[in-house]
PDB file of N, CA and C in Angstrom:
ATOM      1  N   MET A   1       9.730  -3.500   0.567  1.00  0.00           N
ATOM      2  CA  MET A   1       8.730  -3.881   1.534  1.00  0.00           C
ATOM      3  C   MET A   1       8.994  -3.175   2.867  1.00  0.00           C
ATOM      4  N   LYS A   2      10.270  -3.034   3.221  1.00  0.00           N
ATOM      5  CA  LYS A   2      10.596  -2.349   4.477  1.00  0.00           C
ATOM      6  C   LYS A   2      10.119  -0.896   4.451  1.00  0.00           C
ATOM      7  N   VAL A   3      10.342  -0.221   3.338  1.00  0.00           N
ATOM      8  CA  VAL A   3       9.917   1.178   3.217  1.00  0.00           C
ATOM      9  C   VAL A   3       8.395   1.268   3.266  1.00  0.00           C
ATOM     10  N   ALA A   4       7.721   0.353   2.572  1.00  0.00           N
ATOM     11  CA  ALA A   4       6.258   0.357   2.579  1.00  0.00           C
ATOM     12  C   ALA A   4       5.720   0.160   3.985  1.00  0.00           C
ATOM     13  N   GLU A   5       6.314  -0.737   4.738  1.00  0.00           N
ATOM     14  CA  GLU A   5       5.859  -0.985   6.109  1.00  0.00           C
ATOM     15  C   GLU A   5       6.114   0.229   7.015  1.00  0.00           C
ATOM     16  N   LYS A   6       7.212   0.926   6.784  1.00  0.00           N
ATOM     17  CA  LYS A   6       7.472   2.144   7.561  1.00  0.00           C
ATOM     18  C   LYS A   6       6.417   3.208   7.245  1.00  0.00           C
ATOM     19  N   ILE A   7       6.104   3.367   5.967  1.00  0.00           N
ATOM     20  CA  ILE A   7       5.073   4.334   5.566  1.00  0.00           C
ATOM     21  C   ILE A   7       3.746   3.964   6.207  1.00  0.00           C
ATOM     22  N   ARG A   8       3.385   2.684   6.118  1.00  0.00           N
ATOM     23  CA  ARG A   8       2.116   2.213   6.675  1.00  0.00           C
ATOM     24  C   ARG A   8       2.038   2.493   8.173  1.00  0.00           C
ATOM     25  N   ALA A   9       3.125   2.243   8.896  1.00  0.00           N
ATOM     26  CA  ALA A   9       3.144   2.463  10.344  1.00  0.00           C
ATOM     27  C   ALA A   9       3.015   3.946  10.688  1.00  0.00           C
ATOM     28  N   VAL A  10       3.681   4.811   9.929  1.00  0.00           N
ATOM     29  CA  VAL A  10       3.593   6.254  10.177  1.00  0.00           C
ATOM     30  C   VAL A  10       2.177   6.758   9.943  1.00  0.00           C
ATOM     31  N   VAL A  11       1.581   6.339   8.837  1.00  0.00           N
ATOM     32  CA  VAL A  11       0.225   6.782   8.521  1.00  0.00           C
ATOM     33  C   VAL A  11      -0.757   6.302   9.585  1.00  0.00           C
ATOM     34  N   LYS A  12      -0.567   5.079  10.063  1.00  0.00           N
ATOM     35  CA  LYS A  12      -1.481   4.530  11.068  1.00  0.00           C
ATOM     36  C   LYS A  12      -1.457   5.356  12.356  1.00  0.00           C
ATOM     37  N   ASN A  13      -0.354   6.011  12.633  1.00  0.00           N
ATOM     38  CA  ASN A  13      -0.233   6.822  13.849  1.00  0.00           C
ATOM     39  C   ASN A  13      -0.735   8.249  13.678  1.00  0.00           C
ATOM     40  N   ILE A  14      -1.214   8.590  12.496  1.00  0.00           N
ATOM     41  CA  ILE A  14      -1.749   9.933  12.251  1.00  0.00           C
ATOM     42  C   ILE A  14      -3.229   9.958  12.650  1.00  0.00           C
ATOM     43  N   SER A  15      -3.581  10.966  13.391  1.00  0.00           N
ATOM     44  CA  SER A  15      -4.994  11.176  13.696  1.00  0.00           C
ATOM     45  C   SER A  15      -5.257  12.671  13.742  1.00  0.00           C
ATOM     46  N   VAL A  16      -6.473  13.017  13.383  1.00  0.00           N
ATOM     47  CA  VAL A  16      -6.882  14.418  13.349  1.00  0.00           C
ATOM     48  C   VAL A  16      -8.143  14.540  14.178  1.00  0.00           C
ATOM     49  N   LYS A  17      -8.121  15.475  15.100  1.00  0.00           N
ATOM     50  CA  LYS A  17      -9.295  15.698  15.935  1.00  0.00           C
ATOM     51  C   LYS A  17     -10.123  16.820  15.324  1.00  0.00           C
ATOM     52  N   THR A  18     -11.389  16.521  15.076  1.00  0.00           N
ATOM     53  CA  THR A  18     -12.313  17.523  14.568  1.00  0.00           C
ATOM     54  C   THR A  18     -13.210  17.974  15.717  1.00  0.00           C
ATOM     55  N   ASP A  19     -14.147  18.843  15.418  1.00  0.00           N
ATOM     56  CA  ASP A  19     -15.085  19.290  16.446  1.00  0.00           C
ATOM     57  C   ASP A  19     -15.925  18.138  16.991  1.00  0.00           C
ATOM     58  N   LYS A  20     -16.200  17.169  16.140  1.00  0.00           N
ATOM     59  CA  LYS A  20     -17.120  16.100  16.519  1.00  0.00           C
ATOM     60  C   LYS A  20     -16.446  14.777  16.872  1.00  0.00           C
ATOM     61  N   LYS A  21     -15.298  14.497  16.269  1.00  0.00           N
ATOM     62  CA  LYS A  21     -14.673  13.206  16.533  1.00  0.00           C
ATOM     63  C   LYS A  21     -13.201  13.218  16.148  1.00  0.00           C
ATOM     64  N   GLN A  22     -12.544  12.117  16.445  1.00  0.00           N
ATOM     65  CA  GLN A  22     -11.153  11.937  16.066  1.00  0.00           C
ATOM     66  C   GLN A  22     -11.123  11.014  14.845  1.00  0.00           C
ATOM     67  N   VAL A  23     -10.353  11.406  13.837  1.00  0.00           N
ATOM     68  CA  VAL A  23     -10.258  10.638  12.605  1.00  0.00           C
ATOM     69  C   VAL A  23      -8.883   9.983  12.547  1.00  0.00           C
ATOM     70  N   ASN A  24      -8.871   8.655  12.367  1.00  0.00           N
ATOM     71  CA  ASN A  24      -7.625   7.904  12.238  1.00  0.00           C
ATOM     72  C   ASN A  24      -7.461   7.472  10.787  1.00  0.00           C
ATOM     73  N   PHE A  25      -6.218   7.275  10.381  1.00  0.00           N
ATOM     74  CA  PHE A  25      -5.917   6.933   8.997  1.00  0.00           C
ATOM     75  C   PHE A  25      -5.209   5.593   8.902  1.00  0.00           C
ATOM     76  N   THR A  26      -5.412   4.933   7.768  1.00  0.00           N
ATOM     77  CA  THR A  26      -4.647   3.744   7.403  1.00  0.00           C
ATOM     78  C   THR A  26      -4.338   3.839   5.919  1.00  0.00           C
ATOM     79  N   VAL A  27      -3.413   3.008   5.479  1.00  0.00           N
ATOM     80  CA  VAL A  27      -3.055   2.978   4.066  1.00  0.00           C
ATOM     81  C   VAL A  27      -2.780   1.532   3.667  1.00  0.00           C
ATOM     82  N   SER A  28      -3.194   1.192   2.461  1.00  0.00           N
ATOM     83  CA  SER A  28      -2.867  -0.101   1.873  1.00  0.00           C
ATOM     84  C   SER A  28      -1.896   0.163   0.733  1.00  0.00           C
ATOM     85  N   LEU A  29      -0.874  -0.692   0.626  1.00  0.00           N
ATOM     86  CA  LEU A  29       0.168  -0.475  -0.371  1.00  0.00           C
ATOM     87  C   LEU A  29       0.385  -1.728  -1.207  1.00  0.00           C
ATOM     88  N   GLY A  30       0.494  -1.531  -2.504  1.00  0.00           N
ATOM     89  CA  GLY A  30       0.866  -2.603  -3.424  1.00  0.00           C
ATOM     90  C   GLY A  30       2.265  -2.332  -3.922  1.00  0.00           C
ATOM     91  N   ILE A  31       3.140  -3.314  -3.788  1.00  0.00           N
ATOM     92  CA  ILE A  31       4.554  -3.134  -4.124  1.00  0.00           C
ATOM     93  C   ILE A  31       4.933  -4.068  -5.270  1.00  0.00           C
ATOM     94  N   ALA A  32       5.677  -3.550  -6.213  1.00  0.00           N
ATOM     95  CA  ALA A  32       6.213  -4.359  -7.300  1.00  0.00           C
ATOM     96  C   ALA A  32       7.517  -3.729  -7.761  1.00  0.00           C
ATOM     97  N   GLY A  33       8.420  -4.567  -8.198  1.00  0.00           N
ATOM     98  CA  GLY A  33       9.708  -4.080  -8.682  1.00  0.00           C
ATOM     99  C   GLY A  33       9.989  -4.560 -10.095  1.00  0.00           C
ATOM    100  N   TYR A  34      11.060  -4.073 -10.633  1.00  0.00           N
ATOM    101  CA  TYR A  34      11.478  -4.440 -11.984  1.00  0.00           C
ATOM    102  C   TYR A  34      11.926  -5.892 -12.029  1.00  0.00           C
ATOM    103  N   ARG A  35      11.527  -6.585 -13.092  1.00  0.00           N
ATOM    104  CA  ARG A  35      11.994  -7.938 -13.397  1.00  0.00           C
ATOM    105  C   ARG A  35      12.626  -7.901 -14.782  1.00  0.00           C
ATOM    106  N   PRO A  36      13.685  -8.653 -14.984  1.00  0.00           N
ATOM    107  CA  PRO A  36      14.354  -8.625 -16.299  1.00  0.00           C
ATOM    108  C   PRO A  36      13.423  -8.920 -17.476  1.00  0.00           C
ATOM    109  N   LYS A  37      12.369  -9.702 -17.264  1.00  0.00           N
ATOM    110  CA  LYS A  37      11.467 -10.022 -18.374  1.00  0.00           C
ATOM    111  C   LYS A  37      10.424  -8.926 -18.649  1.00  0.00           C
ATOM    112  N   ASP A  38      10.353  -7.896 -17.791  1.00  0.00           N
ATOM    113  CA  ASP A  38       9.400  -6.807 -18.001  1.00  0.00           C
ATOM    114  C   ASP A  38       9.743  -6.060 -19.287  1.00  0.00           C
ATOM    115  N   GLU A  39       8.718  -5.876 -20.117  1.00  0.00           N
ATOM    116  CA  GLU A  39       8.935  -5.157 -21.371  1.00  0.00           C
ATOM    117  C   GLU A  39       8.833  -3.649 -21.195  1.00  0.00           C
ATOM    118  N   ASP A  40       8.004  -3.209 -20.240  1.00  0.00           N
ATOM    119  CA  ASP A  40       7.901  -1.783 -19.964  1.00  0.00           C
ATOM    120  C   ASP A  40       7.303  -1.572 -18.574  1.00  0.00           C
ATOM    121  N   ALA A  41       7.204  -0.318 -18.188  1.00  0.00           N
ATOM    122  CA  ALA A  41       6.747   0.022 -16.835  1.00  0.00           C
ATOM    123  C   ALA A  41       5.311  -0.403 -16.568  1.00  0.00           C
ATOM    124  N   SER A  42       4.507  -0.551 -17.620  1.00  0.00           N
ATOM    125  CA  SER A  42       3.103  -0.920 -17.405  1.00  0.00           C
ATOM    126  C   SER A  42       2.984  -2.297 -16.745  1.00  0.00           C
ATOM    127  N   GLU A  43       3.917  -3.198 -17.003  1.00  0.00           N
ATOM    128  CA  GLU A  43       3.880  -4.523 -16.375  1.00  0.00           C
ATOM    129  C   GLU A  43       4.140  -4.416 -14.870  1.00  0.00           C
ATOM    130  N   ILE A  44       5.046  -3.544 -14.497  1.00  0.00           N
ATOM    131  CA  ILE A  44       5.342  -3.327 -13.077  1.00  0.00           C
ATOM    132  C   ILE A  44       4.128  -2.701 -12.394  1.00  0.00           C
ATOM    133  N   LEU A  45       3.540  -1.706 -13.038  1.00  0.00           N
ATOM    134  CA  LEU A  45       2.366  -1.043 -12.474  1.00  0.00           C
ATOM    135  C   LEU A  45       1.188  -1.995 -12.341  1.00  0.00           C
ATOM    136  N   GLU A  46       1.025  -2.906 -13.285  1.00  0.00           N
ATOM    137  CA  GLU A  46      -0.050  -3.900 -13.199  1.00  0.00           C
ATOM    138  C   GLU A  46       0.128  -4.780 -11.962  1.00  0.00           C
ATOM    139  N   ARG A  47       1.349  -5.256 -11.723  1.00  0.00           N
ATOM    140  CA  ARG A  47       1.614  -6.086 -10.538  1.00  0.00           C
ATOM    141  C   ARG A  47       1.370  -5.296  -9.259  1.00  0.00           C
ATOM    142  N   ALA A  48       1.795  -4.047  -9.239  1.00  0.00           N
ATOM    143  CA  ALA A  48       1.581  -3.206  -8.060  1.00  0.00           C
ATOM    144  C   ALA A  48       0.094  -2.973  -7.833  1.00  0.00           C
ATOM    145  N   ASP A  49      -0.651  -2.756  -8.894  1.00  0.00           N
ATOM    146  CA  ASP A  49      -2.095  -2.530  -8.790  1.00  0.00           C
ATOM    147  C   ASP A  49      -2.803  -3.780  -8.251  1.00  0.00           C
ATOM    148  N   ARG A  50      -2.440  -4.948  -8.784  1.00  0.00           N
ATOM    149  CA  ARG A  50      -3.037  -6.196  -8.286  1.00  0.00           C
ATOM    150  C   ARG A  50      -2.700  -6.397  -6.810  1.00  0.00           C
ATOM    151  N   ALA A  51      -1.466  -6.091  -6.427  1.00  0.00           N
ATOM    152  CA  ALA A  51      -1.056  -6.227  -5.029  1.00  0.00           C
ATOM    153  C   ALA A  51      -1.831  -5.259  -4.143  1.00  0.00           C
ATOM    154  N   LEU A  52      -2.084  -4.052  -4.631  1.00  0.00           N
ATOM    155  CA  LEU A  52      -2.858  -3.076  -3.868  1.00  0.00           C
ATOM    156  C   LEU A  52      -4.263  -3.596  -3.596  1.00  0.00           C
ATOM    157  N   TYR A  53      -4.916  -4.130  -4.624  1.00  0.00           N
ATOM    158  CA  TYR A  53      -6.268  -4.639  -4.426  1.00  0.00           C
ATOM    159  C   TYR A  53      -6.279  -5.874  -3.530  1.00  0.00           C
ATOM    160  N   GLU A  54      -5.225  -6.679  -3.592  1.00  0.00           N
ATOM    161  CA  GLU A  54      -5.114  -7.815  -2.674  1.00  0.00           C
ATOM    162  C   GLU A  54      -5.001  -7.310  -1.234  1.00  0.00           C
ATOM    163  N   ALA A  55      -4.219  -6.253  -1.030  1.00  0.00           N
ATOM    164  CA  ALA A  55      -4.079  -5.673   0.312  1.00  0.00           C
ATOM    165  C   ALA A  55      -5.418  -5.164   0.826  1.00  0.00           C
ATOM    166  N   LYS A  56      -6.157  -4.481  -0.015  1.00  0.00           N
ATOM    167  CA  LYS A  56      -7.460  -3.944   0.396  1.00  0.00           C
ATOM    168  C   LYS A  56      -8.450  -5.061   0.694  1.00  0.00           C
ATOM    169  N   GLU A  57      -8.465  -6.087  -0.152  1.00  0.00           N
ATOM    170  CA  GLU A  57      -9.421  -7.175   0.017  1.00  0.00           C
ATOM    171  C   GLU A  57      -9.100  -8.064   1.216  1.00  0.00           C
ATOM    172  N   SER A  58      -7.844  -8.071   1.637  1.00  0.00           N
ATOM    173  CA  SER A  58      -7.466  -8.938   2.760  1.00  0.00           C
ATOM    174  C   SER A  58      -7.524  -8.210   4.099  1.00  0.00           C
ATOM    175  N   GLY A  59      -8.179  -7.071   4.139  1.00  0.00           N
ATOM    176  CA  GLY A  59      -8.397  -6.410   5.411  1.00  0.00           C
ATOM    177  C   GLY A  59      -7.908  -4.985   5.513  1.00  0.00           C
ATOM    178  N   ARG A  60      -7.325  -4.459   4.475  1.00  0.00           N
ATOM    179  CA  ARG A  60      -6.796  -3.093   4.449  1.00  0.00           C
ATOM    180  C   ARG A  60      -5.669  -2.908   5.449  1.00  0.00           C
ATOM    181  N   ASP A  61      -5.077  -1.711   5.443  1.00  0.00           N
ATOM    182  CA  ASP A  61      -3.955  -1.388   6.321  1.00  0.00           C
ATOM    183  C   ASP A  61      -2.856  -2.453   6.208  1.00  0.00           C
ATOM    184  N   ARG A  62      -2.500  -2.779   4.972  1.00  0.00           N
ATOM    185  CA  ARG A  62      -1.499  -3.812   4.715  1.00  0.00           C
ATOM    186  C   ARG A  62      -0.579  -3.404   3.563  1.00  0.00           C
ATOM    187  N   SER A  63       0.567  -4.041   3.538  1.00  0.00           N
ATOM    188  CA  SER A  63       1.490  -3.940   2.415  1.00  0.00           C
ATOM    189  C   SER A  63       1.580  -5.314   1.776  1.00  0.00           C
ATOM    190  N   VAL A  64       1.414  -5.373   0.461  1.00  0.00           N
ATOM    191  CA  VAL A  64       1.480  -6.647  -0.246  1.00  0.00           C
ATOM    192  C   VAL A  64       2.465  -6.523  -1.395  1.00  0.00           C
ATOM    193  N   LEU A  65       3.351  -7.500  -1.500  1.00  0.00           N
ATOM    194  CA  LEU A  65       4.319  -7.562  -2.580  1.00  0.00           C
ATOM    195  C   LEU A  65       3.700  -8.309  -3.746  1.00  0.00           C
ATOM    196  N   GLY A  66       3.625  -7.650  -4.905  1.00  0.00           N
ATOM    197  CA  GLY A  66       3.024  -8.262  -6.082  1.00  0.00           C
ATOM    198  C   GLY A  66       3.870  -9.375  -6.655  1.00  0.00           C
ATOM    199  N   SER A  67       3.194 -10.362  -7.180  1.00  0.00           N
ATOM    200  CA  SER A  67       3.930 -11.504  -7.782  1.00  0.00           C
ATOM    201  C   SER A  67       3.753 -11.537  -9.270  1.00  0.00           C
TER     202      SER A  67
END
């Protein structure tokens, strides 16, 4: 979660100026780790994917730890 929050903060500080306007960036992150009961990586990816969509639905520019 600490690494995800650092990434999120760095991305939030990125901006690109074009001819017409300034573009700012944000990122939403879904985090999940290995659990002893996981049978394969797809279970971890599923939790991370659900956490990502939770982050997006709760306002974007967030890090969410999957449960």
